[in-house]
């Protein structure tokens, strides 16, 4: 891929990511009490809800990464995984949207240790307030699930797309 193509792809990606992330934050704020209800009613409670969000967020990020790698290295993509340009674009857009919508609630629960929790704006981030009050173990659990899913998914991506195929006679 030429440097011009790389710059064009980076500009398009940035132009898409900014409004998508902004929309995901606005959606998170609008769905505040609904997210709390989902977390409360989820089978396994809020810890399982956050773990499920972490798996979906990392899985969709890995899918987005796979699409980008398939575009950058078509020679490393196994024949059974070759997609047309339009299919790759749809796959990238859908996985990016899913990643943004599921990762924003996770990211908004992160705060540095010792942060002043009395000054939380629970109108803007109802899920974080609920988790800190009712299920404080949900945050370290989702972080662990997110990291383990990312590590395992990266190993799978390396196994599938990370090797240069050898020509067998």
Protein backbone atom coordinates (compact mmCIF):
# COMPACT_ATOMS: atom_id res chain seq x y z
CA UNK A 1 0.00 0.00 0.00
CA UNK A 2 1.43 3.38 -0.95
CA UNK A 3 1.91 6.20 1.52
CA UNK A 4 -0.82 8.22 -0.20
CA UNK A 5 -3.31 5.36 0.25
CA UNK A 6 -2.30 5.00 3.89
CA UNK A 7 -2.90 8.71 4.54
CA UNK A 8 -6.26 8.61 2.76
CA UNK A 9 -7.39 5.62 4.79
CA UNK A 10 -6.23 7.29 8.03
CA UNK A 11 -8.15 10.48 7.18
CA UNK A 12 -11.33 8.58 6.32
CA UNK A 13 -11.01 6.49 9.49
CA UNK A 14 -10.59 9.58 11.64
CA UNK A 15 -13.46 11.36 9.91
CA UNK A 16 -15.69 8.36 10.68
CA UNK A 17 -14.45 7.66 14.22
CA UNK A 18 -15.01 11.13 15.67
CA UNK A 19 -18.77 11.41 14.96
CA UNK A 20 -19.33 7.73 15.82
CA UNK A 21 -17.65 8.11 19.22
CA UNK A 22 -19.48 11.36 19.87
CA UNK A 23 -22.78 9.70 19.03
CA UNK A 24 -21.93 6.74 21.27
CA UNK A 25 -21.27 9.07 24.22
CA UNK A 26 -24.56 10.91 23.63
CA UNK A 27 -26.37 7.56 23.36
CA UNK A 28 -24.76 6.44 26.64
CA UNK A 29 -25.93 9.61 28.39
CA UNK A 30 -29.46 9.24 26.99
CA UNK A 31 -29.67 5.56 27.99
CA UNK A 32 -28.29 6.09 31.51
CA UNK A 33 -31.18 4.67 33.54
CA UNK A 34 -31.92 2.06 30.88
CA UNK A 35 -28.34 0.76 31.12
CA UNK A 36 -28.68 0.57 34.89
CA UNK A 37 -31.89 -1.43 34.45
CA UNK A 38 -30.20 -3.79 32.00
CA UNK A 39 -27.24 -4.25 34.35
CA UNK A 40 -29.53 -4.91 37.32
CA UNK A 41 -31.74 -7.39 35.42
CA UNK A 42 -28.95 -9.13 33.48
CA UNK A 43 -28.54 -12.86 34.26
CA UNK A 44 -25.58 -12.84 36.63
CA UNK A 45 -26.17 -9.23 37.62
CA UNK A 46 -24.11 -6.14 36.84
CA UNK A 47 -20.79 -8.02 36.92
CA UNK A 48 -21.93 -10.37 34.15
CA UNK A 49 -23.44 -7.44 32.21
CA UNK A 50 -20.15 -5.55 32.23
CA UNK A 51 -18.23 -8.73 31.35
CA UNK A 52 -20.57 -9.32 28.39
CA UNK A 53 -20.07 -5.71 27.25
CA UNK A 54 -16.30 -6.22 27.51
CA UNK A 55 -16.39 -9.39 25.38
CA UNK A 56 -18.56 -7.73 22.72
CA UNK A 57 -16.45 -4.55 22.69
CA UNK A 58 -13.14 -6.38 22.35
CA UNK A 59 -14.58 -8.86 19.88
CA UNK A 60 -15.79 -6.07 17.63
CA UNK A 61 -12.44 -4.27 17.93
CA UNK A 62 -10.70 -7.49 16.90
CA UNK A 63 -13.08 -7.86 13.95
CA UNK A 64 -12.28 -4.30 12.90
CA UNK A 65 -8.58 -5.06 13.20
CA UNK A 66 -8.99 -8.21 11.14
CA UNK A 67 -10.71 -6.28 8.35
CA UNK A 68 -7.93 -3.68 8.34
CA UNK A 69 -5.26 -6.39 8.24
CA UNK A 70 -7.06 -8.20 5.41
CA UNK A 71 -7.07 -4.96 3.44
CA UNK A 72 -3.42 -4.14 4.19
CA UNK A 73 -2.09 -7.67 3.60
CA UNK A 74 -4.31 -9.46 1.09
CA UNK A 75 -1.47 -11.90 0.38
CA UNK A 76 -1.58 -13.07 4.01
CA UNK A 77 -5.34 -13.53 4.06
CA UNK A 78 -6.40 -17.17 3.68
CA UNK A 79 -8.40 -17.81 0.54
CA UNK A 80 -11.55 -18.71 2.50
CA UNK A 81 -11.50 -15.29 4.22
CA UNK A 82 -11.13 -13.11 1.11
CA UNK A 83 -13.90 -10.53 0.94
CA UNK A 84 -14.88 -8.05 -1.72
CA UNK A 85 -14.17 -4.38 -1.08
CA UNK A 86 -17.82 -3.64 -0.31
CA UNK A 87 -18.11 -6.55 2.11
CA UNK A 88 -14.95 -5.40 3.92
CA UNK A 89 -16.35 -1.88 4.17
CA UNK A 90 -19.69 -3.06 5.59
CA UNK A 91 -17.88 -5.38 8.03
CA UNK A 92 -15.59 -2.54 9.15
CA UNK A 93 -18.45 -0.07 9.62
CA UNK A 94 -20.64 -2.49 11.57
CA UNK A 95 -17.83 -3.71 13.82
CA UNK A 96 -16.69 -0.11 14.41
CA UNK A 97 -20.20 0.98 15.37
CA UNK A 98 -20.62 -1.99 17.69
CA UNK A 99 -17.21 -1.35 19.24
CA UNK A 100 -18.03 2.30 19.90
CA UNK A 101 -21.47 1.64 21.36
CA UNK A 102 -20.21 -1.10 23.69
CA UNK A 103 -16.85 0.41 24.62
CA UNK A 104 -18.14 3.85 25.67
CA UNK A 105 -20.05 2.59 28.74
CA UNK A 106 -16.95 0.63 29.72
CA UNK A 107 -14.59 3.55 29.26
CA UNK A 108 -16.81 5.91 31.22
CA UNK A 109 -16.51 3.70 34.30
CA UNK A 110 -12.75 4.25 34.42
CA UNK A 111 -11.43 6.78 36.88
CA UNK A 112 -8.08 7.23 38.54
CA UNK A 113 -7.80 5.72 42.01
CA UNK A 114 -8.71 8.18 44.75
CA UNK A 115 -10.85 10.36 42.48
CA UNK A 116 -13.49 12.38 44.30
CA UNK A 117 -16.59 10.20 43.97
CA UNK A 118 -18.77 12.75 45.75
CA UNK A 119 -18.49 15.05 42.75
CA UNK A 120 -19.79 12.47 40.27
CA UNK A 121 -22.45 13.69 37.94
CA UNK A 122 -24.84 10.77 38.18
CA UNK A 123 -27.22 12.36 35.66
CA UNK A 124 -24.52 12.08 32.99
CA UNK A 125 -23.13 8.69 34.01
CA UNK A 126 -25.79 6.72 35.86
CA UNK A 127 -24.18 3.35 35.11
CA UNK A 128 -20.89 4.33 36.74
CA UNK A 129 -22.67 5.60 39.87
CA UNK A 130 -24.74 2.41 40.08
CA UNK A 131 -21.70 0.15 39.67
CA UNK A 132 -19.63 2.00 42.25
CA UNK A 133 -22.49 1.83 44.79
CA UNK A 134 -23.96 -1.62 44.13
CA UNK A 135 -21.30 -3.72 42.36
CA UNK A 136 -17.79 -2.32 42.79
CA UNK A 137 -16.27 -5.64 41.69
CA UNK A 138 -17.77 -5.22 38.20
CA UNK A 139 -15.08 -2.77 37.09
CA UNK A 140 -12.00 -4.95 37.76
CA UNK A 141 -13.86 -7.94 36.32
CA UNK A 142 -14.70 -6.21 33.03
CA UNK A 143 -11.13 -4.93 32.71
CA UNK A 144 -9.78 -8.46 33.20
CA UNK A 145 -12.28 -9.94 30.73
CA UNK A 146 -11.46 -7.21 28.20
CA UNK A 147 -7.70 -7.83 28.45
CA UNK A 148 -7.97 -11.63 28.32
CA UNK A 149 -10.33 -11.48 25.34
CA UNK A 150 -7.94 -9.09 23.61
CA UNK A 151 -4.92 -11.31 24.25
CA UNK A 152 -6.66 -14.45 23.02
CA UNK A 153 -8.13 -12.66 20.01
CA UNK A 154 -4.73 -11.21 19.10
CA UNK A 155 -3.23 -14.69 19.18
CA UNK A 156 -5.97 -15.91 16.83
CA UNK A 157 -5.39 -12.95 14.49
CA UNK A 158 -1.67 -13.68 14.47
CA UNK A 159 -2.31 -17.34 13.75
CA UNK A 160 -4.70 -16.59 10.89
CA UNK A 161 -3.21 -13.43 9.34
CA UNK A 162 0.27 -13.01 10.80
CA UNK A 163 2.19 -15.49 8.73
CA UNK A 164 3.36 -15.17 5.17
CA UNK A 165 1.95 -18.14 3.29
CA UNK A 166 4.53 -20.52 1.94
CA UNK A 167 4.14 -21.87 -1.54
CA UNK A 168 3.90 -25.63 -1.35
CA UNK A 169 5.02 -27.51 -4.46
